[in-house]
Each structure stands twice: as C-alpha cells, then as structure tokens.
C-alpha cells in the first residue's frame, strides 16, 4: 500500500477518535475517503491496541502505590509484633485500602 495513503488514514483516524467518534463511524468516514477496507481495519485495530497500552501505562503508578501501601501495612504490623511480642497491632486501614487500590487499578488495566 502507498505510504501516503497509510499516513492519511492514520492521521484521519486519530483525528476522528479524538473527536469522540466510535469505530463504526470512523470506518464509514475513512471508507468514504476511498481508503481500502483492509487498511481501515488495521488502523482501527492499532488505535484500539494503543488505547489499551495508554490505559495500562496510566494505571501502573496507582497499582504499584496500592501494593506499596499493603506492603507497608504488613511491614508495620511485623515491626510492632517484634518490638512488643504480646501486642498484635495490625494496621487494617493501610492493608485493606492498599489491596483495594491495587485491585481497582488492576481491573482498569484489563
């Protein structure tokens, strides 16, 4: 396929996606411009893959901070247990919120 046609298809597809249009409308608009069906399918597929990659990259810091919070909670509980062997203090808030934070972020990454 012609490189200029590919470039035109990708630029137009990205522009339409940023405008908030769904894949069917983008497909129809690109088809009206005379772009081959196979190229349109590749453009849409690549845009969807890139969107998924962007969401994963956006959610990674939240996921890791959730794991860090849960880990700190367990570490704090272990330290307190070694300092005061008879007293068991579990920082439930840190542990639960860290686990919940990680789970929510992981679900958004899928």
N, C-alpha and C. Protein backbone atom coordinates (compact mmCIF):
# COMPACT_ATOMS: atom_id res chain seq x y z
N UNK A 1 0.83 -1.18 0.00
CA UNK A 1 0.00 0.00 0.00
C UNK A 1 0.88 1.24 0.00
N UNK A 2 0.33 2.28 -0.51
CA UNK A 2 1.04 3.53 -0.59
C UNK A 2 1.23 4.14 0.81
N UNK A 3 2.44 4.58 1.09
CA UNK A 3 2.76 5.15 2.42
C UNK A 3 1.95 6.40 2.70
N UNK A 4 1.72 7.19 1.67
CA UNK A 4 0.96 8.43 1.85
C UNK A 4 -0.49 8.11 2.22
N UNK A 5 -1.03 7.04 1.63
CA UNK A 5 -2.40 6.64 1.95
C UNK A 5 -2.48 6.13 3.39
N UNK A 6 -1.47 5.38 3.82
CA UNK A 6 -1.44 4.90 5.20
C UNK A 6 -1.37 6.08 6.17
N UNK A 7 -0.50 7.01 5.85
CA UNK A 7 -0.33 8.18 6.71
C UNK A 7 -1.63 8.96 6.81
N UNK A 8 -2.29 9.14 5.69
CA UNK A 8 -3.56 9.87 5.65
C UNK A 8 -4.61 9.13 6.48
N UNK A 9 -4.66 7.80 6.34
CA UNK A 9 -5.65 7.01 7.08
C UNK A 9 -5.42 7.10 8.59
N UNK A 10 -4.18 6.98 9.01
CA UNK A 10 -3.88 7.05 10.44
C UNK A 10 -4.16 8.44 11.01
N UNK A 11 -3.74 9.46 10.29
CA UNK A 11 -3.98 10.83 10.78
C UNK A 11 -5.48 11.13 10.89
N UNK A 12 -6.22 10.74 9.87
CA UNK A 12 -7.66 10.98 9.89
C UNK A 12 -8.34 10.14 10.97
N UNK A 13 -7.91 8.89 11.11
CA UNK A 13 -8.48 8.02 12.15
C UNK A 13 -8.24 8.55 13.55
N UNK A 14 -7.02 9.02 13.80
CA UNK A 14 -6.69 9.58 15.11
C UNK A 14 -7.49 10.84 15.37
N UNK A 15 -7.62 11.66 14.34
CA UNK A 15 -8.38 12.91 14.48
C UNK A 15 -9.85 12.61 14.82
N UNK A 16 -10.42 11.63 14.14
CA UNK A 16 -11.82 11.28 14.40
C UNK A 16 -11.98 10.64 15.77
N UNK A 17 -11.01 9.83 16.19
CA UNK A 17 -11.07 9.19 17.51
C UNK A 17 -11.01 10.24 18.61
N UNK A 18 -10.13 11.24 18.43
CA UNK A 18 -10.04 12.32 19.41
C UNK A 18 -11.31 13.14 19.47
N UNK A 19 -12.05 13.16 18.36
CA UNK A 19 -13.32 13.89 18.32
C UNK A 19 -14.41 13.13 19.06
N UNK A 20 -14.11 11.89 19.47
CA UNK A 20 -15.07 11.12 20.25
C UNK A 20 -15.96 10.19 19.44
N UNK A 21 -15.62 9.95 18.21
CA UNK A 21 -16.43 9.07 17.37
C UNK A 21 -16.05 7.61 17.62
N UNK A 22 -17.03 6.73 17.46
CA UNK A 22 -16.75 5.30 17.66
C UNK A 22 -16.21 4.68 16.38
N UNK A 23 -15.83 3.43 16.49
CA UNK A 23 -15.14 2.75 15.38
C UNK A 23 -15.99 2.65 14.12
N UNK A 24 -17.28 2.44 14.27
CA UNK A 24 -18.14 2.29 13.08
C UNK A 24 -18.21 3.58 12.28
N UNK A 25 -18.29 4.71 12.97
CA UNK A 25 -18.35 6.00 12.29
C UNK A 25 -17.00 6.29 11.62
N UNK A 26 -15.93 5.99 12.32
CA UNK A 26 -14.60 6.19 11.74
C UNK A 26 -14.44 5.32 10.50
N UNK A 27 -14.90 4.08 10.58
CA UNK A 27 -14.82 3.16 9.44
C UNK A 27 -15.56 3.75 8.24
N UNK A 28 -16.76 4.25 8.49
CA UNK A 28 -17.57 4.80 7.40
C UNK A 28 -16.91 6.04 6.79
N UNK A 29 -16.38 6.90 7.63
CA UNK A 29 -15.75 8.13 7.12
C UNK A 29 -14.49 7.81 6.31
N UNK A 30 -13.69 6.88 6.80
CA UNK A 30 -12.48 6.52 6.06
C UNK A 30 -12.83 5.83 4.75
N UNK A 31 -13.90 5.05 4.77
CA UNK A 31 -14.34 4.36 3.56
C UNK A 31 -14.80 5.37 2.50
N UNK A 32 -15.47 6.44 2.95
CA UNK A 32 -15.92 7.48 2.04
C UNK A 32 -14.74 8.20 1.38
N UNK A 33 -13.61 8.23 2.06
CA UNK A 33 -12.43 8.91 1.52
C UNK A 33 -11.65 8.02 0.56
N UNK A 34 -12.14 6.80 0.33
CA UNK A 34 -11.52 5.92 -0.64
C UNK A 34 -10.37 5.09 -0.09
N UNK A 35 -10.33 4.91 1.21
CA UNK A 35 -9.27 4.11 1.83
C UNK A 35 -9.72 2.64 1.82
N UNK A 36 -8.84 1.71 1.43
CA UNK A 36 -9.21 0.29 1.36
C UNK A 36 -9.65 -0.28 2.72
N UNK A 37 -10.54 -1.26 2.66
CA UNK A 37 -11.09 -1.86 3.88
C UNK A 37 -10.02 -2.47 4.77
N UNK A 38 -9.06 -3.14 4.18
CA UNK A 38 -8.01 -3.79 4.97
C UNK A 38 -7.19 -2.76 5.75
N UNK A 39 -6.89 -1.65 5.12
CA UNK A 39 -6.15 -0.59 5.79
C UNK A 39 -6.97 0.03 6.91
N UNK A 40 -8.25 0.21 6.68
CA UNK A 40 -9.13 0.76 7.72
C UNK A 40 -9.16 -0.17 8.93
N UNK A 41 -9.26 -1.46 8.68
CA UNK A 41 -9.28 -2.42 9.79
C UNK A 41 -7.97 -2.37 10.57
N UNK A 42 -6.84 -2.26 9.86
CA UNK A 42 -5.54 -2.15 10.54
C UNK A 42 -5.45 -0.87 11.37
N UNK A 43 -5.95 0.22 10.82
CA UNK A 43 -5.92 1.50 11.55
C UNK A 43 -6.74 1.39 12.83
N UNK A 44 -7.94 0.87 12.73
CA UNK A 44 -8.81 0.74 13.91
C UNK A 44 -8.21 -0.21 14.94
N UNK A 45 -7.66 -1.31 14.48
CA UNK A 45 -7.06 -2.27 15.39
C UNK A 45 -5.86 -1.66 16.12
N UNK A 46 -5.01 -0.98 15.39
CA UNK A 46 -3.84 -0.35 16.01
C UNK A 46 -4.23 0.77 16.97
N UNK A 47 -5.27 1.51 16.65
CA UNK A 47 -5.73 2.56 17.56
C UNK A 47 -6.28 1.96 18.85
N UNK A 48 -7.00 0.84 18.75
CA UNK A 48 -7.53 0.19 19.95
C UNK A 48 -6.41 -0.39 20.81
N UNK A 49 -5.41 -0.97 20.17
CA UNK A 49 -4.26 -1.51 20.92
C UNK A 49 -3.53 -0.38 21.63
N UNK A 50 -3.34 0.73 20.93
CA UNK A 50 -2.63 1.86 21.53
C UNK A 50 -3.42 2.45 22.70
N UNK A 51 -4.74 2.47 22.58
CA UNK A 51 -5.57 2.97 23.68
C UNK A 51 -5.42 2.08 24.91
N UNK A 52 -5.40 0.77 24.70
CA UNK A 52 -5.23 -0.16 25.81
C UNK A 52 -3.87 0.02 26.47
N UNK A 53 -2.83 0.19 25.66
CA UNK A 53 -1.49 0.41 26.20
C UNK A 53 -1.45 1.70 27.02
N UNK A 54 -2.11 2.74 26.53
CA UNK A 54 -2.14 4.01 27.25
C UNK A 54 -2.84 3.87 28.59
N UNK A 55 -3.94 3.12 28.63
CA UNK A 55 -4.66 2.93 29.89
C UNK A 55 -3.80 2.16 30.88
N UNK A 56 -3.11 1.14 30.41
CA UNK A 56 -2.23 0.35 31.29
C UNK A 56 -1.12 1.23 31.86
N UNK A 57 -0.49 2.02 31.00
CA UNK A 57 0.58 2.90 31.46
C UNK A 57 0.06 3.95 32.44
N UNK A 58 -1.17 4.38 32.25
CA UNK A 58 -1.78 5.37 33.14
C UNK A 58 -2.09 4.78 34.51
N UNK A 59 -2.45 3.49 34.56
CA UNK A 59 -2.86 2.85 35.81
C UNK A 59 -1.71 2.23 36.59
N UNK A 60 -0.56 2.04 35.98
CA UNK A 60 0.56 1.39 36.67
C UNK A 60 0.96 2.06 37.97
N UNK A 61 1.10 3.39 38.01
CA UNK A 61 1.50 4.02 39.28
C UNK A 61 0.49 3.77 40.41
N UNK A 62 -0.79 3.77 40.08
CA UNK A 62 -1.83 3.53 41.09
C UNK A 62 -1.76 2.10 41.61
N UNK A 63 -1.51 1.16 40.70
CA UNK A 63 -1.39 -0.24 41.08
C UNK A 63 -0.21 -0.44 42.02
N UNK A 64 0.93 0.11 41.65
CA UNK A 64 2.12 -0.06 42.48
C UNK A 64 2.00 0.66 43.81
N UNK A 65 1.33 1.81 43.84
CA UNK A 65 1.17 2.50 45.12
C UNK A 65 0.23 1.72 46.03
N UNK A 66 -0.76 1.04 45.46
CA UNK A 66 -1.63 0.18 46.26
C UNK A 66 -0.88 -0.98 46.87
N UNK A 67 -0.03 -1.61 46.06
CA UNK A 67 0.80 -2.70 46.59
C UNK A 67 1.76 -2.19 47.66
N UNK A 68 2.29 -1.00 47.46
CA UNK A 68 3.20 -0.41 48.43
C UNK A 68 2.49 -0.15 49.76
N UNK A 69 1.27 0.37 49.69
CA UNK A 69 0.50 0.62 50.91
C UNK A 69 0.24 -0.68 51.67
N UNK A 70 -0.15 -1.72 50.97
CA UNK A 70 -0.42 -3.00 51.62
C UNK A 70 0.87 -3.56 52.22
N UNK A 71 1.96 -3.46 51.48
CA UNK A 71 3.25 -3.94 51.98
C UNK A 71 3.70 -3.18 53.22
N UNK A 72 3.53 -1.87 53.21
CA UNK A 72 3.88 -1.08 54.39
C UNK A 72 3.03 -1.45 55.60
N UNK A 73 1.77 -1.75 55.34
CA UNK A 73 0.90 -2.18 56.43
C UNK A 73 1.37 -3.47 57.06
N UNK A 74 1.72 -4.44 56.23
CA UNK A 74 2.24 -5.71 56.75
C UNK A 74 3.59 -5.52 57.46
N UNK A 75 4.44 -4.67 56.88
CA UNK A 75 5.74 -4.40 57.49
C UNK A 75 5.58 -3.73 58.85
N UNK A 76 4.69 -2.78 58.93
CA UNK A 76 4.42 -2.10 60.20
C UNK A 76 3.90 -3.08 61.24
N UNK A 77 3.02 -3.98 60.83
CA UNK A 77 2.49 -4.98 61.75
C UNK A 77 3.61 -5.90 62.24
N UNK A 78 4.52 -6.30 61.36
CA UNK A 78 5.63 -7.18 61.75
C UNK A 78 6.58 -6.46 62.70
N UNK A 79 6.87 -5.20 62.44
CA UNK A 79 7.77 -4.44 63.31
C UNK A 79 7.18 -4.29 64.71
N UNK A 80 5.91 -3.95 64.77
CA UNK A 80 5.25 -3.80 66.08
C UNK A 80 5.23 -5.15 66.81
N UNK A 81 5.02 -6.23 66.08
CA UNK A 81 4.98 -7.54 66.72
C UNK A 81 6.35 -7.90 67.31
N UNK A 82 7.44 -7.54 66.63
CA UNK A 82 8.78 -7.84 67.16
C UNK A 82 9.17 -6.92 68.32
N UNK A 83 8.71 -5.70 68.30
CA UNK A 83 9.02 -4.77 69.39
C UNK A 83 8.22 -5.11 70.64
N UNK A 84 6.94 -5.37 70.46
CA UNK A 84 6.04 -5.73 71.56
C UNK A 84 5.44 -7.10 71.27
N UNK A 85 6.10 -8.18 71.67
CA UNK A 85 5.67 -9.53 71.30
C UNK A 85 4.25 -9.89 71.77
N UNK A 86 3.80 -9.36 72.85
CA UNK A 86 2.46 -9.72 73.33
C UNK A 86 1.35 -8.92 72.68
N UNK A 87 1.70 -7.83 72.02
CA UNK A 87 0.70 -6.93 71.43
C UNK A 87 0.70 -7.11 69.91
N UNK A 88 -0.48 -7.37 69.41
CA UNK A 88 -0.61 -7.51 67.96
C UNK A 88 -1.41 -6.33 67.45
N UNK A 89 -0.74 -5.45 66.74
CA UNK A 89 -1.41 -4.30 66.13
C UNK A 89 -1.31 -4.46 64.63
N UNK A 90 -2.45 -4.55 64.00
CA UNK A 90 -2.49 -4.70 62.55
C UNK A 90 -3.07 -3.43 61.96
N UNK A 91 -2.30 -2.74 61.15
CA UNK A 91 -2.81 -1.52 60.51
C UNK A 91 -3.78 -1.88 59.38
N UNK A 92 -4.98 -2.22 59.80
CA UNK A 92 -6.01 -2.70 58.86
C UNK A 92 -6.29 -1.67 57.76
N UNK A 93 -6.34 -0.40 58.13
CA UNK A 93 -6.65 0.63 57.13
C UNK A 93 -5.66 0.64 55.98
N UNK A 94 -4.38 0.58 56.30
CA UNK A 94 -3.35 0.58 55.26
C UNK A 94 -3.44 -0.68 54.39
N UNK A 95 -3.60 -1.81 55.04
CA UNK A 95 -3.62 -3.08 54.31
C UNK A 95 -4.84 -3.17 53.39
N UNK A 96 -6.02 -2.92 53.95
CA UNK A 96 -7.26 -3.04 53.17
C UNK A 96 -7.30 -2.01 52.03
N UNK A 97 -6.96 -0.76 52.35
CA UNK A 97 -7.01 0.27 51.30
C UNK A 97 -5.97 -0.01 50.22
N UNK A 98 -4.80 -0.51 50.60
CA UNK A 98 -3.78 -0.83 49.61
C UNK A 98 -4.21 -1.96 48.69
N UNK A 99 -4.79 -2.99 49.27
CA UNK A 99 -5.27 -4.12 48.46
C UNK A 99 -6.41 -3.68 47.55
N UNK A 100 -7.35 -2.90 48.10
CA UNK A 100 -8.48 -2.42 47.28
C UNK A 100 -7.99 -1.53 46.14
N UNK A 101 -7.05 -0.66 46.45
CA UNK A 101 -6.48 0.24 45.45
C UNK A 101 -5.82 -0.56 44.33
N UNK A 102 -5.08 -1.58 44.69
CA UNK A 102 -4.40 -2.41 43.69
C UNK A 102 -5.40 -3.17 42.84
N UNK A 103 -6.44 -3.72 43.47
CA UNK A 103 -7.45 -4.48 42.73
C UNK A 103 -8.20 -3.59 41.75
N UNK A 104 -8.59 -2.40 42.19
CA UNK A 104 -9.32 -1.48 41.31
C UNK A 104 -8.44 -1.08 40.13
N UNK A 105 -7.19 -0.77 40.40
CA UNK A 105 -6.27 -0.40 39.31
C UNK A 105 -6.05 -1.55 38.35
N UNK A 106 -5.92 -2.76 38.87
CA UNK A 106 -5.70 -3.93 38.02
C UNK A 106 -6.92 -4.19 37.12
N UNK A 107 -8.12 -3.98 37.66
CA UNK A 107 -9.32 -4.16 36.84
C UNK A 107 -9.38 -3.14 35.71
N UNK A 108 -8.95 -1.91 35.97
CA UNK A 108 -8.95 -0.89 34.92
C UNK A 108 -7.91 -1.20 33.86
N UNK A 109 -6.88 -1.95 34.23
CA UNK A 109 -5.82 -2.27 33.28
C UNK A 109 -6.24 -3.36 32.29
N UNK A 110 -7.29 -4.07 32.59
CA UNK A 110 -7.74 -5.16 31.70
C UNK A 110 -8.57 -4.66 30.58
